[in-house]
Every structure is written in structure tokens, then in C-alpha cells.
Amino acid sequence: MINSILTVENLSLSLSPQKEILSGVSFSIAKGETLLLCGKNGSGKSILLRALKGLIPITKGSIFLDDIDVSKKGNARNASIALVFQDTDTQIVGQTVYKDLLFGLENLGIKQEEREERIKEVSSLLDISSLLHKNPMNLSGGEKRRVALGGVLVMKPQIIFLDEPFANLDYPGITQVIASIMALQQRGVAIVIATHEVEKIAFHTDSMLILDKGKVVEWGTTKEMLFKSEQYGIRIQRVNGLPLPFEEYSWRN
């Protein structure tokens, strides 16, 4: 667990004795690392993120944050891990972008001066300063995704989970989200990206974890794992039957 900000050991989750959703999941992520979580639809990606955050109770296994066992402390995990859902409309609550960023800070009782400083910093980081006084429901998909990310980032989480961050976005929206991810990487934030659209972001990630039927079937560096993922139903781009070079797996070089 040396240098790991999050370590998961033999995690399992069952809805009933006959229905196990996750089975023996083990992996770790270091501070500043970006992990690509992949798998076909129904492989357990979203359930795993929610369980790690503390939204769903685990059946067995251990979860460590900074080497501290928080397996039975769902509230501690919820406070330390931010999750941006695929459907960002359900996560945005403010009538303006500014009020949305302010919402969680007010609930935490953060003093006004620090609230303003955090909002200013995050807005600049994610390039949403010009959106602060707009109604978030009138924004584009990419802009909404960045606002939702800002809403959790102002809370200063240790780790950020992104669940299908490119879903239903057009090309400008995708590149906006990738730019935000790269800005977070430059800050040394630990990030887990759950997606089956690996061609958009793989080049910008450090490691890759592949789930299949709730089990870890591959885990290693993204460059090593990317072309293995095809056998588990992950789409790999090919030209004339040959896979593209690893460096081409980015929509923002």
C-alpha cells in the first residue's frame, strides 16, 4: 500500500446469496495517478464506483484511504471521494453555476472568504468563470459536465471518480472534459475514469483496470493493457485491420 491513496482488497458485493455483483476486486491507485476503469456494459463499473464512495454497502473486503481502513466507514469514504455521475443533470442543483458551486460549501459551513476563493480557483481551473451567472440547465453537455466536476472539486476531495464522462457529448464537449481532466492531472489529483470509450482518453491515463462480470481480469499500465482489452469486449480502433498506435488514443493531443 506504499504511496497508494486508495487500496481495495478482495472487495465483494452481493444483492442476495444467489446474486454476486462484484467478486474479489483488488487494486490500488497512487496519489496523482489516473486509472482507466473499463468493461462491457453490465460489468460492474458504476456499481464499483458507488460502493467505493460509500453509497452502496459492501458485502466483504477491505478499503483503505491513505493506509487507513475505512471499509466500515461509508461516510468517511463519501467525504474523501467525489463522484461525477453520467447524468449530470441530477447532480446540478443551483439556479446559476455560481450557486451550484456554492451549495456544498455552504452546507459544510465554510467561511465566506474561503468559499469565494475556492469557487474562483476551481472556475479558473475548469475554464467556467464565464459561466458563473448562467443557468446550468441552459448549458451544453460538455459545460454541464465541467460544472458538475466543479461542484465536487470545490469540496477538495482526495480522489475523483468520473462515471462515463463522455456519454452523449459532441466533439467540443468531449475535448472540454478532456481538458478538465488534464488540468486536474497537473494538480496531482488521483482520478478514476470509468468508460468504454477508451479511444478518447487512454493515452492520458497511467493504468487500466478491466472488469468482466464483476471480477478484475486485467490490471496494469494502460499501454500494456489497452490492446488486451479487446478480448473483453472493449472497442479498439483499427485501420486496415491493424490497431492504431497507443499515441493515437486521445482526442486532445
C-alpha atoms as a PDB file:
ATOM      1  CA  MET A   1       0.000   0.000   0.000  1.00  0.00           C
ATOM      2  CA  ILE A   2       3.078   2.239  -0.133  1.00  0.00           C
ATOM      3  CA  ASN A   3       2.227   5.604  -1.779  1.00  0.00           C
ATOM      4  CA  SER A   4      -1.315   4.396  -2.510  1.00  0.00           C
ATOM      5  CA  ILE A   5      -4.104   6.828  -1.781  1.00  0.00           C
ATOM      6  CA  LEU A   6      -6.747   4.138  -2.363  1.00  0.00           C
ATOM      7  CA  THR A   7      -6.280   0.406  -1.881  1.00  0.00           C
ATOM      8  CA  VAL A   8      -9.016  -2.168  -2.414  1.00  0.00           C
ATOM      9  CA  GLU A   9      -8.567  -5.750  -1.222  1.00  0.00           C
ATOM     10  CA  ASN A  10     -10.872  -8.651  -2.103  1.00  0.00           C
ATOM     11  CA  LEU A  11     -13.995  -6.472  -2.291  1.00  0.00           C
ATOM     12  CA  SER A  12     -17.270  -8.259  -2.966  1.00  0.00           C
ATOM     13  CA  LEU A  13     -20.828  -7.019  -3.186  1.00  0.00           C
ATOM     14  CA  SER A  14     -23.936  -9.192  -3.247  1.00  0.00           C
ATOM     15  CA  LEU A  15     -27.571  -8.255  -3.588  1.00  0.00           C
ATOM     16  CA  SER A  16     -28.523 -11.721  -2.349  1.00  0.00           C
ATOM     17  CA  PRO A  17     -26.732 -15.028  -1.651  1.00  0.00           C
ATOM     18  CA  GLN A  18     -27.530 -16.013  -5.223  1.00  0.00           C
ATOM     19  CA  LYS A  19     -26.595 -12.704  -6.901  1.00  0.00           C
ATOM     20  CA  GLU A  20     -22.992 -11.501  -6.521  1.00  0.00           C
ATOM     21  CA  ILE A  21     -22.358  -8.245  -8.407  1.00  0.00           C
ATOM     22  CA  LEU A  22     -18.665  -7.745  -7.564  1.00  0.00           C
ATOM     23  CA  SER A  23     -16.334 -10.583  -6.623  1.00  0.00           C
ATOM     24  CA  GLY A  24     -12.855 -10.360  -5.095  1.00  0.00           C
ATOM     25  CA  VAL A  25     -11.964  -6.975  -6.587  1.00  0.00           C
ATOM     26  CA  SER A  26      -8.436  -5.843  -5.662  1.00  0.00           C
ATOM     27  CA  PHE A  27      -6.392  -2.897  -6.950  1.00  0.00           C
ATOM     28  CA  SER A  28      -4.763   0.336  -5.813  1.00  0.00           C
ATOM     29  CA  ILE A  29      -4.250   3.848  -7.110  1.00  0.00           C
ATOM     30  CA  ALA A  30      -1.444   6.196  -6.153  1.00  0.00           C
ATOM     31  CA  LYS A  31      -1.620   9.915  -5.492  1.00  0.00           C
ATOM     32  CA  GLY A  32      -1.648  11.754  -8.804  1.00  0.00           C
ATOM     33  CA  GLU A  33      -2.424   8.608 -10.804  1.00  0.00           C
ATOM     34  CA  THR A  34      -5.182   8.376 -13.416  1.00  0.00           C
ATOM     35  CA  LEU A  35      -6.766   4.931 -13.660  1.00  0.00           C
ATOM     36  CA  LEU A  36      -8.943   3.876 -16.579  1.00  0.00           C
ATOM     37  CA  LEU A  37     -11.734   1.544 -15.420  1.00  0.00           C
ATOM     38  CA  CYS A  38     -13.080  -0.471 -18.347  1.00  0.00           C
ATOM     39  CA  GLY A  39     -15.545  -3.230 -19.079  1.00  0.00           C
ATOM     40  CA  LYS A  40     -18.613  -4.002 -21.137  1.00  0.00           C
ATOM     41  CA  ASN A  41     -21.998  -2.660 -20.078  1.00  0.00           C
ATOM     42  CA  GLY A  42     -23.062  -4.602 -17.011  1.00  0.00           C
ATOM     43  CA  SER A  43     -19.509  -5.494 -15.984  1.00  0.00           C
ATOM     44  CA  GLY A  44     -19.886  -3.644 -12.665  1.00  0.00           C
ATOM     45  CA  LYS A  45     -18.031  -0.363 -13.284  1.00  0.00           C
ATOM     46  CA  SER A  46     -20.677   2.021 -11.921  1.00  0.00           C
ATOM     47  CA  ILE A  47     -21.553  -0.274  -9.007  1.00  0.00           C
ATOM     48  CA  LEU A  48     -17.870  -0.436  -8.032  1.00  0.00           C
ATOM     49  CA  LEU A  49     -17.537   3.353  -8.010  1.00  0.00           C
ATOM     50  CA  ARG A  50     -20.659   3.762  -5.876  1.00  0.00           C
ATOM     51  CA  ALA A  51     -19.541   1.065  -3.453  1.00  0.00           C
ATOM     52  CA  LEU A  52     -16.099   2.611  -3.038  1.00  0.00           C
ATOM     53  CA  LYS A  53     -17.588   6.039  -2.451  1.00  0.00           C
ATOM     54  CA  GLY A  54     -19.866   4.689   0.258  1.00  0.00           C
ATOM     55  CA  LEU A  55     -23.226   4.911  -1.497  1.00  0.00           C
ATOM     56  CA  ILE A  56     -23.700   1.131  -1.509  1.00  0.00           C
ATOM     57  CA  PRO A  57     -22.624  -1.133   1.385  1.00  0.00           C
ATOM     58  CA  ILE A  58     -20.012  -3.751   0.523  1.00  0.00           C
ATOM     59  CA  THR A  59     -20.513  -7.387   1.480  1.00  0.00           C
ATOM     60  CA  LYS A  60     -16.896  -8.157   2.319  1.00  0.00           C
ATOM     61  CA  GLY A  61     -13.365  -6.975   1.653  1.00  0.00           C
ATOM     62  CA  SER A  62     -11.252  -4.008   2.711  1.00  0.00           C
ATOM     63  CA  ILE A  63     -10.955  -0.406   1.527  1.00  0.00           C
ATOM     64  CA  PHE A  64      -8.038   1.775   2.625  1.00  0.00           C
ATOM     65  CA  LEU A  65      -7.599   5.534   2.192  1.00  0.00           C
ATOM     66  CA  ASP A  66      -4.030   6.650   2.899  1.00  0.00           C
ATOM     67  CA  ASP A  67      -3.445   3.265   4.580  1.00  0.00           C
ATOM     68  CA  ILE A  68      -6.378   3.790   6.962  1.00  0.00           C
ATOM     69  CA  ASP A  69      -9.039   1.076   6.919  1.00  0.00           C
ATOM     70  CA  VAL A  70     -12.347   2.746   6.036  1.00  0.00           C
ATOM     71  CA  SER A  71     -14.146  -0.417   4.963  1.00  0.00           C
ATOM     72  CA  LYS A  72     -16.894   0.133   7.528  1.00  0.00           C
ATOM     73  CA  LYS A  73     -16.821   3.928   7.337  1.00  0.00           C
ATOM     74  CA  GLY A  74     -19.024   4.804   4.383  1.00  0.00           C
ATOM     75  CA  ASN A  75     -19.339   8.414   5.495  1.00  0.00           C
ATOM     76  CA  ALA A  76     -15.550   8.827   5.543  1.00  0.00           C
ATOM     77  CA  ARG A  77     -15.299   7.459   2.008  1.00  0.00           C
ATOM     78  CA  ASN A  78     -18.172   9.658   0.868  1.00  0.00           C
ATOM     79  CA  ALA A  79     -16.356  12.745   2.173  1.00  0.00           C
ATOM     80  CA  SER A  80     -12.974  11.840   0.660  1.00  0.00           C
ATOM     81  CA  ILE A  81     -14.127  10.580  -2.733  1.00  0.00           C
ATOM     82  CA  ALA A  82     -16.004  12.705  -5.260  1.00  0.00           C
ATOM     83  CA  LEU A  83     -18.173  11.041  -7.887  1.00  0.00           C
ATOM     84  CA  VAL A  84     -19.402  12.789 -11.022  1.00  0.00           C
ATOM     85  CA  PHE A  85     -22.354  10.802 -12.354  1.00  0.00           C
ATOM     86  CA  GLN A  86     -23.040  10.082 -16.007  1.00  0.00           C
ATOM     87  CA  ASP A  87     -26.319  12.025 -15.793  1.00  0.00           C
ATOM     88  CA  THR A  88     -25.024  15.394 -14.632  1.00  0.00           C
ATOM     89  CA  ASP A  89     -28.499  16.972 -14.628  1.00  0.00           C
ATOM     90  CA  THR A  90     -29.288  15.046 -11.442  1.00  0.00           C
ATOM     91  CA  GLN A  91     -26.140  16.400  -9.784  1.00  0.00           C
ATOM     92  CA  ILE A  92     -26.583  20.097 -10.552  1.00  0.00           C
ATOM     93  CA  VAL A  93     -28.828  21.839  -8.014  1.00  0.00           C
ATOM     94  CA  GLY A  94     -28.132  25.579  -8.292  1.00  0.00           C
ATOM     95  CA  GLN A  95     -30.143  28.081 -10.355  1.00  0.00           C
ATOM     96  CA  THR A  96     -26.840  29.520 -11.540  1.00  0.00           C
ATOM     97  CA  VAL A  97     -23.424  27.917 -11.900  1.00  0.00           C
ATOM     98  CA  TYR A  98     -22.140  30.080  -9.049  1.00  0.00           C
ATOM     99  CA  LYS A  99     -24.937  28.928  -6.716  1.00  0.00           C
ATOM    100  CA  ASP A 100     -24.284  25.331  -7.676  1.00  0.00           C
ATOM    101  CA  LEU A 101     -20.603  25.616  -6.742  1.00  0.00           C
ATOM    102  CA  LEU A 102     -21.614  27.415  -3.556  1.00  0.00           C
ATOM    103  CA  PHE A 103     -24.164  24.805  -2.429  1.00  0.00           C
ATOM    104  CA  GLY A 104     -21.834  22.213  -0.891  1.00  0.00           C
ATOM    105  CA  LEU A 105     -19.567  24.831   0.661  1.00  0.00           C
ATOM    106  CA  GLU A 106     -22.481  26.421   2.486  1.00  0.00           C
ATOM    107  CA  ASN A 107     -23.613  23.034   3.777  1.00  0.00           C
ATOM    108  CA  LEU A 108     -20.122  22.440   5.159  1.00  0.00           C
ATOM    109  CA  GLY A 109     -20.143  25.800   6.895  1.00  0.00           C
ATOM    110  CA  ILE A 110     -17.077  27.054   5.023  1.00  0.00           C
ATOM    111  CA  LYS A 111     -16.428  30.728   5.760  1.00  0.00           C
ATOM    112  CA  GLN A 112     -17.398  33.192   3.053  1.00  0.00           C
ATOM    113  CA  GLU A 113     -13.857  34.319   2.226  1.00  0.00           C
ATOM    114  CA  GLU A 114     -12.699  30.746   1.692  1.00  0.00           C
ATOM    115  CA  ARG A 115     -15.861  29.907  -0.267  1.00  0.00           C
ATOM    116  CA  GLU A 116     -15.156  32.702  -2.729  1.00  0.00           C
ATOM    117  CA  GLU A 117     -11.517  31.698  -3.042  1.00  0.00           C
ATOM    118  CA  ARG A 118     -12.386  28.065  -3.778  1.00  0.00           C
ATOM    119  CA  ILE A 119     -15.012  28.996  -6.361  1.00  0.00           C
ATOM    120  CA  LYS A 120     -12.608  31.376  -8.070  1.00  0.00           C
ATOM    121  CA  GLU A 121      -9.826  28.773  -8.135  1.00  0.00           C
ATOM    122  CA  VAL A 122     -11.998  25.928  -9.447  1.00  0.00           C
ATOM    123  CA  SER A 123     -13.743  28.132 -12.018  1.00  0.00           C
ATOM    124  CA  SER A 124     -10.381  29.174 -13.404  1.00  0.00           C
ATOM    125  CA  LEU A 125      -9.040  25.620 -13.383  1.00  0.00           C
ATOM    126  CA  LEU A 126     -12.028  24.248 -15.321  1.00  0.00           C
ATOM    127  CA  ASP A 127     -12.460  27.333 -17.525  1.00  0.00           C
ATOM    128  CA  ILE A 128     -16.027  28.008 -16.363  1.00  0.00           C
ATOM    129  CA  SER A 129     -15.545  31.535 -14.966  1.00  0.00           C
ATOM    130  CA  SER A 130     -17.610  32.991 -17.815  1.00  0.00           C
ATOM    131  CA  LEU A 131     -20.491  30.642 -16.939  1.00  0.00           C
ATOM    132  CA  LEU A 132     -20.879  31.555 -13.257  1.00  0.00           C
ATOM    133  CA  HIS A 133     -24.034  33.635 -13.657  1.00  0.00           C
ATOM    134  CA  LYS A 134     -25.708  31.405 -16.237  1.00  0.00           C
ATOM    135  CA  ASN A 135     -28.447  28.860 -15.642  1.00  0.00           C
ATOM    136  CA  PRO A 136     -26.647  25.484 -15.804  1.00  0.00           C
ATOM    137  CA  MET A 137     -29.666  23.827 -17.418  1.00  0.00           C
ATOM    138  CA  ASN A 138     -29.113  26.030 -20.477  1.00  0.00           C
ATOM    139  CA  LEU A 139     -25.503  24.946 -20.953  1.00  0.00           C
ATOM    140  CA  SER A 140     -24.107  22.427 -23.412  1.00  0.00           C
ATOM    141  CA  GLY A 141     -23.386  18.855 -22.347  1.00  0.00           C
ATOM    142  CA  GLY A 142     -19.654  19.475 -22.007  1.00  0.00           C
ATOM    143  CA  GLU A 143     -20.228  22.644 -19.990  1.00  0.00           C
ATOM    144  CA  LYS A 144     -22.633  20.830 -17.656  1.00  0.00           C
ATOM    145  CA  ARG A 145     -20.072  18.076 -17.125  1.00  0.00           C
ATOM    146  CA  ARG A 146     -17.445  20.643 -16.148  1.00  0.00           C
ATOM    147  CA  VAL A 147     -19.895  22.406 -13.798  1.00  0.00           C
ATOM    148  CA  ALA A 148     -20.709  19.086 -12.107  1.00  0.00           C
ATOM    149  CA  LEU A 149     -16.992  18.436 -11.777  1.00  0.00           C
ATOM    150  CA  GLY A 150     -16.529  21.904 -10.282  1.00  0.00           C
ATOM    151  CA  GLY A 151     -19.298  21.242  -7.781  1.00  0.00           C
ATOM    152  CA  VAL A 152     -17.368  18.335  -6.295  1.00  0.00           C
ATOM    153  CA  LEU A 153     -13.905  19.823  -6.771  1.00  0.00           C
ATOM    154  CA  VAL A 154     -14.632  22.836  -4.528  1.00  0.00           C
ATOM    155  CA  MET A 155     -15.110  20.307  -1.698  1.00  0.00           C
ATOM    156  CA  LYS A 156     -11.422  19.355  -2.026  1.00  0.00           C
ATOM    157  CA  PRO A 157     -11.819  15.575  -2.286  1.00  0.00           C
ATOM    158  CA  GLN A 158      -8.798  13.274  -2.207  1.00  0.00           C
ATOM    159  CA  ILE A 159      -9.950  11.267  -5.224  1.00  0.00           C
ATOM    160  CA  ILE A 160     -12.313  11.972  -8.121  1.00  0.00           C
ATOM    161  CA  PHE A 161     -14.392   9.295  -9.865  1.00  0.00           C
ATOM    162  CA  LEU A 162     -15.816  10.077 -13.313  1.00  0.00           C
ATOM    163  CA  ASP A 163     -18.570   7.722 -14.493  1.00  0.00           C
ATOM    164  CA  GLU A 164     -18.833   7.663 -18.315  1.00  0.00           C
ATOM    165  CA  PRO A 165     -17.690  11.303 -18.634  1.00  0.00           C
ATOM    166  CA  PHE A 166     -18.005  11.350 -22.438  1.00  0.00           C
ATOM    167  CA  ALA A 167     -21.527   9.937 -22.670  1.00  0.00           C
ATOM    168  CA  ASN A 168     -23.836  11.874 -25.016  1.00  0.00           C
ATOM    169  CA  LEU A 169     -21.271  14.620 -25.696  1.00  0.00           C
ATOM    170  CA  ASP A 170     -20.340  16.064 -29.067  1.00  0.00           C
ATOM    171  CA  TYR A 171     -16.729  16.588 -30.098  1.00  0.00           C
ATOM    172  CA  PRO A 172     -16.365  20.066 -28.472  1.00  0.00           C
ATOM    173  CA  GLY A 173     -17.891  18.728 -25.258  1.00  0.00           C
ATOM    174  CA  ILE A 174     -15.525  15.755 -25.198  1.00  0.00           C
ATOM    175  CA  THR A 175     -12.451  17.928 -25.703  1.00  0.00           C
ATOM    176  CA  GLN A 176     -13.653  20.290 -22.950  1.00  0.00           C
ATOM    177  CA  VAL A 177     -13.939  17.412 -20.490  1.00  0.00           C
ATOM    178  CA  ILE A 178     -10.547  16.006 -21.501  1.00  0.00           C
ATOM    179  CA  ALA A 179      -9.021  19.446 -20.950  1.00  0.00           C
ATOM    180  CA  SER A 180     -10.525  19.499 -17.447  1.00  0.00           C
ATOM    181  CA  ILE A 181      -9.143  16.045 -16.697  1.00  0.00           C
ATOM    182  CA  MET A 182      -5.684  17.116 -17.841  1.00  0.00           C
ATOM    183  CA  ALA A 183      -5.890  20.232 -15.658  1.00  0.00           C
ATOM    184  CA  LEU A 184      -6.668  18.019 -12.658  1.00  0.00           C
ATOM    185  CA  GLN A 185      -3.740  15.752 -13.538  1.00  0.00           C
ATOM    186  CA  GLN A 186      -1.420  18.735 -13.499  1.00  0.00           C
ATOM    187  CA  ARG A 187      -2.623  19.420  -9.951  1.00  0.00           C
ATOM    188  CA  GLY A 188      -1.693  15.874  -8.922  1.00  0.00           C
ATOM    189  CA  VAL A 189      -5.282  14.747  -8.302  1.00  0.00           C
ATOM    190  CA  ALA A 190      -5.971  10.994  -8.240  1.00  0.00           C
ATOM    191  CA  ILE A 191      -8.641  10.185 -10.843  1.00  0.00           C
ATOM    192  CA  VAL A 192     -10.606   7.066 -11.790  1.00  0.00           C
ATOM    193  CA  ILE A 193     -12.357   7.235 -15.171  1.00  0.00           C
ATOM    194  CA  ALA A 194     -14.990   4.574 -15.848  1.00  0.00           C
ATOM    195  CA  THR A 195     -15.656   4.372 -19.578  1.00  0.00           C
ATOM    196  CA  HIS A 196     -15.939   2.003 -22.502  1.00  0.00           C
ATOM    197  CA  GLU A 197     -14.873   4.832 -24.846  1.00  0.00           C
ATOM    198  CA  VAL A 198     -11.152   4.240 -24.328  1.00  0.00           C
ATOM    199  CA  GLU A 199     -10.178   5.766 -27.660  1.00  0.00           C
ATOM    200  CA  LYS A 200     -10.933   9.229 -26.297  1.00  0.00           C
ATOM    201  CA  ILE A 201      -8.698   9.250 -23.206  1.00  0.00           C
ATOM    202  CA  ALA A 202      -6.465   6.149 -22.933  1.00  0.00           C
ATOM    203  CA  PHE A 203      -3.263   7.962 -23.891  1.00  0.00           C
ATOM    204  CA  HIS A 204      -3.716  10.374 -20.972  1.00  0.00           C
ATOM    205  CA  THR A 205      -4.085   7.675 -18.302  1.00  0.00           C
ATOM    206  CA  ASP A 206      -1.468   5.793 -16.311  1.00  0.00           C
ATOM    207  CA  SER A 207      -3.105   2.465 -15.560  1.00  0.00           C
ATOM    208  CA  MET A 208      -6.011   0.356 -16.729  1.00  0.00           C
ATOM    209  CA  LEU A 209      -8.306  -1.991 -14.823  1.00  0.00           C
ATOM    210  CA  ILE A 210     -10.643  -4.272 -16.773  1.00  0.00           C
ATOM    211  CA  LEU A 211     -13.760  -5.690 -15.160  1.00  0.00           C
ATOM    212  CA  ASP A 212     -15.671  -8.632 -16.578  1.00  0.00           C
ATOM    213  CA  LYS A 213     -18.771  -9.963 -14.823  1.00  0.00           C
ATOM    214  CA  GLY A 214     -17.793  -8.174 -11.626  1.00  0.00           C
ATOM    215  CA  LYS A 215     -14.242  -9.537 -11.484  1.00  0.00           C
ATOM    216  CA  VAL A 216     -10.858  -7.952 -12.230  1.00  0.00           C
ATOM    217  CA  VAL A 217      -9.489  -9.764 -15.280  1.00  0.00           C
ATOM    218  CA  GLU A 218      -6.617  -7.398 -16.170  1.00  0.00           C
ATOM    219  CA  TRP A 219      -4.761  -4.626 -14.335  1.00  0.00           C
ATOM    220  CA  GLY A 220      -1.555  -2.875 -15.347  1.00  0.00           C
ATOM    221  CA  THR A 221      -0.239   0.125 -17.249  1.00  0.00           C
ATOM    222  CA  THR A 222      -2.641   1.438 -19.873  1.00  0.00           C
ATOM    223  CA  LYS A 223      -0.115   0.890 -22.632  1.00  0.00           C
ATOM    224  CA  GLU A 224       0.244  -2.779 -21.644  1.00  0.00           C
ATOM    225  CA  MET A 225      -3.470  -3.423 -21.094  1.00  0.00           C
ATOM    226  CA  LEU A 226      -5.106  -1.438 -23.904  1.00  0.00           C
ATOM    227  CA  PHE A 227      -4.755  -3.994 -26.662  1.00  0.00           C
ATOM    228  CA  LYS A 228      -5.616  -6.874 -24.320  1.00  0.00           C
ATOM    229  CA  SER A 229      -8.926  -5.202 -23.565  1.00  0.00           C
ATOM    230  CA  GLU A 230     -10.356  -6.098 -26.967  1.00  0.00           C
ATOM    231  CA  GLN A 231     -10.866  -9.711 -25.884  1.00  0.00           C
ATOM    232  CA  TYR A 232     -13.188  -8.429 -23.120  1.00  0.00           C
ATOM    233  CA  GLY A 233     -15.457  -6.508 -25.463  1.00  0.00           C
ATOM    234  CA  ILE A 234     -13.685  -3.130 -25.384  1.00  0.00           C
ATOM    235  CA  ARG A 235     -13.672  -1.439 -28.784  1.00  0.00           C
ATOM    236  CA  ILE A 236     -10.185  -0.899 -30.174  1.00  0.00           C
ATOM    237  CA  GLN A 237      -9.784   1.355 -33.191  1.00  0.00           C
ATOM    238  CA  ARG A 238      -8.298  -0.332 -36.245  1.00  0.00           C
ATOM    239  CA  VAL A 239      -7.217   0.823 -39.682  1.00  0.00           C
ATOM    240  CA  ASN A 240      -6.839  -1.833 -42.384  1.00  0.00           C
ATOM    241  CA  GLY A 241      -7.214  -4.456 -39.668  1.00  0.00           C
ATOM    242  CA  LEU A 242      -4.372  -3.085 -37.532  1.00  0.00           C
ATOM    243  CA  PRO A 243      -4.874  -1.289 -34.184  1.00  0.00           C
ATOM    244  CA  LEU A 244      -3.901   2.356 -34.028  1.00  0.00           C
ATOM    245  CA  PRO A 245      -0.654   3.192 -32.180  1.00  0.00           C
ATOM    246  CA  PHE A 246      -1.120   3.913 -28.473  1.00  0.00           C
ATOM    247  CA  GLU A 247      -0.362   7.617 -29.018  1.00  0.00           C
ATOM    248  CA  GLU A 248      -3.482   7.917 -31.181  1.00  0.00           C
ATOM    249  CA  TYR A 249      -5.829   7.073 -28.297  1.00  0.00           C
ATOM    250  CA  SER A 250      -6.542  10.683 -27.453  1.00  0.00           C
ATOM    251  CA  TRP A 251      -8.964  13.272 -28.719  1.00  0.00           C
ATOM    252  CA  ARG A 252      -6.735  16.054 -27.413  1.00  0.00           C
ATOM    253  CA  ASN A 253      -3.072  15.620 -28.259  1.00  0.00           C
END
